[in-house]
């Protein structure tokens, strides 16, 4: 997927989810950590929303 206004790039896939100090986060392409989340399902749902917003150029607020 190419976000609006960006050129096509070859991105490598990695596990976006990580545990920091016992709390679950996901990491964005920009290196920002989002979270913490209560569980895997909450983290996955928030990641999907984050990606949808990025695709359509919407901010979180």
N, C-alpha and C. Protein backbone atom coordinates (compact mmCIF):
# COMPACT_ATOMS: atom_id res chain seq x y z
N UNK A 1 0.85 -1.16 0.00
CA UNK A 1 0.00 0.00 0.00
C UNK A 1 0.90 1.23 0.00
N UNK A 2 0.55 2.22 -0.80
CA UNK A 2 1.27 3.48 -0.83
C UNK A 2 0.36 4.55 -0.26
N UNK A 3 0.86 5.25 0.74
CA UNK A 3 0.06 6.32 1.32
C UNK A 3 -0.02 7.49 0.35
N UNK A 4 -1.10 8.23 0.46
CA UNK A 4 -1.33 9.37 -0.40
C UNK A 4 -0.17 10.35 -0.27
N UNK A 5 0.38 10.78 -1.43
CA UNK A 5 1.48 11.74 -1.44
C UNK A 5 2.86 11.13 -1.29
N UNK A 6 2.97 9.81 -1.21
CA UNK A 6 4.26 9.15 -1.09
C UNK A 6 4.57 8.35 -2.33
N UNK A 7 5.85 8.18 -2.58
CA UNK A 7 6.29 7.36 -3.71
C UNK A 7 6.26 5.89 -3.31
N UNK A 8 6.16 5.02 -4.31
CA UNK A 8 6.22 3.58 -4.07
C UNK A 8 7.60 3.22 -3.52
N UNK A 9 7.65 2.48 -2.44
CA UNK A 9 8.90 2.04 -1.84
C UNK A 9 8.81 0.57 -1.53
N UNK A 10 9.92 -0.08 -1.41
CA UNK A 10 9.96 -1.48 -1.00
C UNK A 10 10.20 -1.52 0.51
N UNK A 11 9.14 -1.78 1.25
CA UNK A 11 9.23 -1.86 2.70
C UNK A 11 9.43 -3.31 3.11
N UNK A 12 10.21 -3.51 4.14
CA UNK A 12 10.35 -4.86 4.67
C UNK A 12 9.33 -5.05 5.77
N UNK A 13 8.87 -6.26 5.91
CA UNK A 13 7.88 -6.57 6.95
C UNK A 13 8.60 -6.96 8.23
N UNK A 14 8.06 -6.52 9.33
CA UNK A 14 8.59 -6.92 10.62
C UNK A 14 7.43 -6.98 11.60
N UNK A 15 7.68 -7.56 12.72
CA UNK A 15 6.66 -7.62 13.76
C UNK A 15 6.54 -6.22 14.37
N UNK A 16 5.40 -5.61 14.23
CA UNK A 16 5.20 -4.25 14.74
C UNK A 16 4.92 -4.25 16.24
N UNK A 17 4.61 -5.39 16.82
CA UNK A 17 4.21 -5.43 18.22
C UNK A 17 5.42 -5.74 19.10
N UNK A 18 5.45 -5.08 20.25
CA UNK A 18 6.54 -5.30 21.18
C UNK A 18 6.04 -5.08 22.61
N UNK A 19 6.72 -5.67 23.55
CA UNK A 19 6.40 -5.48 24.97
C UNK A 19 7.54 -4.67 25.58
N UNK A 20 7.17 -3.55 26.21
CA UNK A 20 8.14 -2.69 26.87
C UNK A 20 7.71 -2.54 28.32
N UNK A 21 8.58 -2.93 29.23
CA UNK A 21 8.27 -2.88 30.67
C UNK A 21 6.94 -3.56 30.98
N UNK A 22 6.68 -4.68 30.32
CA UNK A 22 5.49 -5.45 30.58
C UNK A 22 4.23 -4.91 29.92
N UNK A 23 4.36 -3.87 29.08
CA UNK A 23 3.20 -3.28 28.42
C UNK A 23 3.32 -3.48 26.91
N UNK A 24 2.17 -3.70 26.25
CA UNK A 24 2.12 -3.99 24.82
C UNK A 24 1.99 -2.72 24.00
N UNK A 25 2.84 -2.57 22.97
CA UNK A 25 2.85 -1.43 22.06
C UNK A 25 2.98 -1.94 20.63
N UNK A 26 2.67 -1.06 19.66
CA UNK A 26 3.10 -1.31 18.29
C UNK A 26 3.93 -0.13 17.83
N UNK A 27 4.80 -0.38 16.86
CA UNK A 27 5.70 0.65 16.37
C UNK A 27 5.32 1.04 14.95
N UNK A 28 5.31 2.34 14.68
CA UNK A 28 4.97 2.86 13.36
C UNK A 28 6.22 2.87 12.47
N UNK A 29 6.01 3.09 11.17
CA UNK A 29 7.14 3.22 10.25
C UNK A 29 8.08 4.35 10.66
N UNK A 30 7.50 5.37 11.27
CA UNK A 30 8.28 6.53 11.69
C UNK A 30 9.06 6.28 12.97
N UNK A 31 8.88 5.10 13.57
CA UNK A 31 9.61 4.73 14.78
C UNK A 31 8.90 5.11 16.07
N UNK A 32 7.68 5.62 15.97
CA UNK A 32 6.91 6.00 17.16
C UNK A 32 6.21 4.77 17.73
N UNK A 33 6.17 4.69 19.06
CA UNK A 33 5.47 3.59 19.73
C UNK A 33 4.08 4.06 20.12
N UNK A 34 3.07 3.28 19.77
CA UNK A 34 1.67 3.56 20.13
C UNK A 34 1.25 2.54 21.17
N UNK A 35 0.55 3.00 22.19
CA UNK A 35 0.10 2.13 23.25
C UNK A 35 0.22 2.84 24.58
N UNK A 36 0.18 2.14 25.67
CA UNK A 36 0.09 0.69 25.81
C UNK A 36 -1.33 0.19 25.62
N UNK A 37 -1.45 -1.11 25.35
CA UNK A 37 -2.73 -1.76 25.13
C UNK A 37 -2.95 -2.85 26.17
N UNK A 38 -4.21 -3.10 26.46
CA UNK A 38 -4.58 -4.10 27.46
C UNK A 38 -4.30 -5.52 27.00
N UNK A 39 -4.45 -5.77 25.67
CA UNK A 39 -4.27 -7.13 25.15
C UNK A 39 -3.97 -7.09 23.66
N UNK A 40 -3.68 -8.25 23.08
CA UNK A 40 -3.32 -8.37 21.67
C UNK A 40 -4.43 -7.87 20.75
N UNK A 41 -5.67 -8.19 21.08
CA UNK A 41 -6.79 -7.80 20.22
C UNK A 41 -6.91 -6.28 20.16
N UNK A 42 -6.82 -5.63 21.31
CA UNK A 42 -6.90 -4.16 21.34
C UNK A 42 -5.76 -3.55 20.52
N UNK A 43 -4.55 -4.09 20.65
CA UNK A 43 -3.41 -3.58 19.91
C UNK A 43 -3.60 -3.77 18.40
N UNK A 44 -4.08 -4.93 17.99
CA UNK A 44 -4.29 -5.21 16.56
C UNK A 44 -5.37 -4.30 15.98
N UNK A 45 -6.46 -4.08 16.73
CA UNK A 45 -7.53 -3.20 16.25
C UNK A 45 -7.03 -1.76 16.12
N UNK A 46 -6.26 -1.30 17.10
CA UNK A 46 -5.74 0.06 17.03
C UNK A 46 -4.74 0.21 15.88
N UNK A 47 -3.94 -0.82 15.63
CA UNK A 47 -3.02 -0.79 14.50
C UNK A 47 -3.79 -0.68 13.19
N UNK A 48 -4.87 -1.45 13.04
CA UNK A 48 -5.67 -1.36 11.82
C UNK A 48 -6.25 0.04 11.63
N UNK A 49 -6.73 0.64 12.73
CA UNK A 49 -7.24 2.01 12.64
C UNK A 49 -6.12 2.99 12.28
N UNK A 50 -4.96 2.81 12.87
CA UNK A 50 -3.81 3.67 12.58
C UNK A 50 -3.45 3.59 11.09
N UNK A 51 -3.40 2.37 10.56
CA UNK A 51 -3.07 2.19 9.15
C UNK A 51 -4.13 2.80 8.24
N UNK A 52 -5.39 2.67 8.61
CA UNK A 52 -6.48 3.26 7.83
C UNK A 52 -6.35 4.78 7.80
N UNK A 53 -6.07 5.38 8.96
CA UNK A 53 -5.88 6.84 9.01
C UNK A 53 -4.70 7.26 8.16
N UNK A 54 -3.61 6.51 8.23
CA UNK A 54 -2.41 6.85 7.43
C UNK A 54 -2.72 6.76 5.94
N UNK A 55 -3.50 5.77 5.55
CA UNK A 55 -3.84 5.56 4.15
C UNK A 55 -4.64 6.75 3.61
N UNK A 56 -5.52 7.29 4.41
CA UNK A 56 -6.39 8.37 3.95
C UNK A 56 -5.97 9.74 4.45
N UNK A 57 -4.78 9.83 5.05
CA UNK A 57 -4.25 11.12 5.47
C UNK A 57 -4.98 11.78 6.61
N UNK A 58 -5.57 10.97 7.48
CA UNK A 58 -6.30 11.52 8.62
C UNK A 58 -5.43 11.47 9.86
N UNK A 59 -5.62 12.45 10.72
CA UNK A 59 -4.89 12.42 11.98
C UNK A 59 -5.71 11.66 13.02
N UNK A 60 -5.09 11.37 14.15
CA UNK A 60 -5.73 10.61 15.21
C UNK A 60 -6.80 11.43 15.92
N UNK A 61 -6.67 12.74 15.91
CA UNK A 61 -7.60 13.62 16.65
C UNK A 61 -8.46 14.39 15.70
